Each structure stands twice: as structure tokens, then as C-alpha cells.
Amino acid sequence: MSVDEVAKLFSYLHLPAHLQQVSRPFFDTAMHIKAHVPDGAMQTKALNELWQSKNWAVAAVAQK
């Protein structure tokens, strides 16, 4: 997965401000993983789990 693909999956600027505050740390962490964890199955798994966590966190705040 390329850096651009990761950035697109974790994009947050399209969200309302209160949801950006929740989503942005996940974007930052995804970029850190992409930069520092070797490509491969474990990096993919880490990014997938992070993406799922981000979606649940944003959904939880959106429901408030």
C-alpha cells in the first residue's frame, strides 16, 4: 500500500471540525506506521486494525 493510499484511507479534512479532532490522530499514527514499519503483512494488518478503530471512534462521537 502506497503512502498516498494510506493518506486517502485516513483522510479527515472532509469531516466536521469536531470529528476531525477524533480522526486526525489516527491519520498521524497511520503515517508513522507507513514510515517506520516495514512493508508486508504485519504493516497491512496494523493499518487495517487502526482504520477500523478510527471508524469506530468517529462513529461513536458522531452519534453523540
Protein backbone atom coordinates (compact mmCIF):
# COMPACT_ATOMS: atom_id res chain seq x y z
CA MET A 1 0.00 0.00 0.00
CA SER A 2 1.45 3.36 -1.00
CA VAL A 3 1.67 6.43 1.20
CA ASP A 4 -0.98 8.08 -0.97
CA GLU A 5 -3.35 5.14 -0.49
CA VAL A 6 -2.85 5.24 3.27
CA ALA A 7 -3.39 9.01 3.32
CA LYS A 8 -6.63 8.60 1.37
CA LEU A 9 -7.94 5.89 3.74
CA PHE A 10 -7.19 8.04 6.79
CA SER A 11 -8.19 11.41 5.33
CA TYR A 12 -10.09 13.63 7.73
CA LEU A 13 -10.34 17.14 6.25
CA HIS A 14 -13.77 16.37 4.76
CA LEU A 15 -15.19 15.82 8.26
CA PRO A 16 -16.76 18.45 10.51
CA ALA A 17 -14.29 20.03 12.94
CA HIS A 18 -15.38 18.00 15.98
CA LEU A 19 -14.84 14.75 14.05
CA GLN A 20 -11.53 15.94 12.63
CA GLN A 21 -10.25 16.18 16.20
CA VAL A 22 -11.04 12.48 16.66
CA SER A 23 -9.80 11.33 13.26
CA ARG A 24 -6.55 13.26 12.89
CA PRO A 25 -4.52 11.31 15.48
CA PHE A 26 -5.34 8.13 13.53
CA PHE A 27 -4.05 9.77 10.34
CA ASP A 28 -0.85 10.78 12.12
CA THR A 29 -0.38 7.27 13.50
CA ALA A 30 -1.02 5.70 10.09
CA MET A 31 1.63 7.91 8.53
CA HIS A 32 4.04 6.96 11.33
CA ILE A 33 3.37 3.25 10.75
CA LYS A 34 3.87 3.64 7.00
CA ALA A 35 7.19 5.44 7.56
CA HIS A 36 8.63 3.19 10.26
CA VAL A 37 7.16 -0.31 9.94
CA PRO A 38 8.50 -2.46 7.08
CA ASP A 39 6.09 -3.18 4.22
CA GLY A 40 4.40 -6.52 4.49
CA ALA A 41 1.58 -8.43 6.08
CA MET A 42 2.16 -7.06 9.58
CA GLN A 43 2.15 -3.45 8.38
CA THR A 44 -1.05 -4.13 6.44
CA LYS A 45 -2.65 -5.73 9.50
CA ALA A 46 -1.61 -2.80 11.71
CA LEU A 47 -3.07 -0.28 9.27
CA ASN A 48 -6.28 -2.30 8.89
CA GLU A 49 -6.82 -2.53 12.64
CA LEU A 50 -6.07 1.19 13.02
CA TRP A 51 -8.52 2.03 10.23
CA GLN A 52 -11.25 0.02 11.93
CA SER A 53 -10.52 1.72 15.26
CA LYS A 54 -10.66 5.14 13.62
CA ASN A 55 -14.03 4.37 12.08
CA TRP A 56 -15.49 3.19 15.40
CA ALA A 57 -14.15 6.23 17.25
CA VAL A 58 -15.54 8.66 14.68
CA ALA A 59 -18.89 6.86 14.68
CA ALA A 60 -19.07 7.00 18.47
CA VAL A 61 -18.53 10.75 18.52
CA ALA A 62 -20.87 11.32 15.57
CA GLN A 63 -23.70 9.58 17.46
CA LYS A 64 -23.45 11.92 20.45
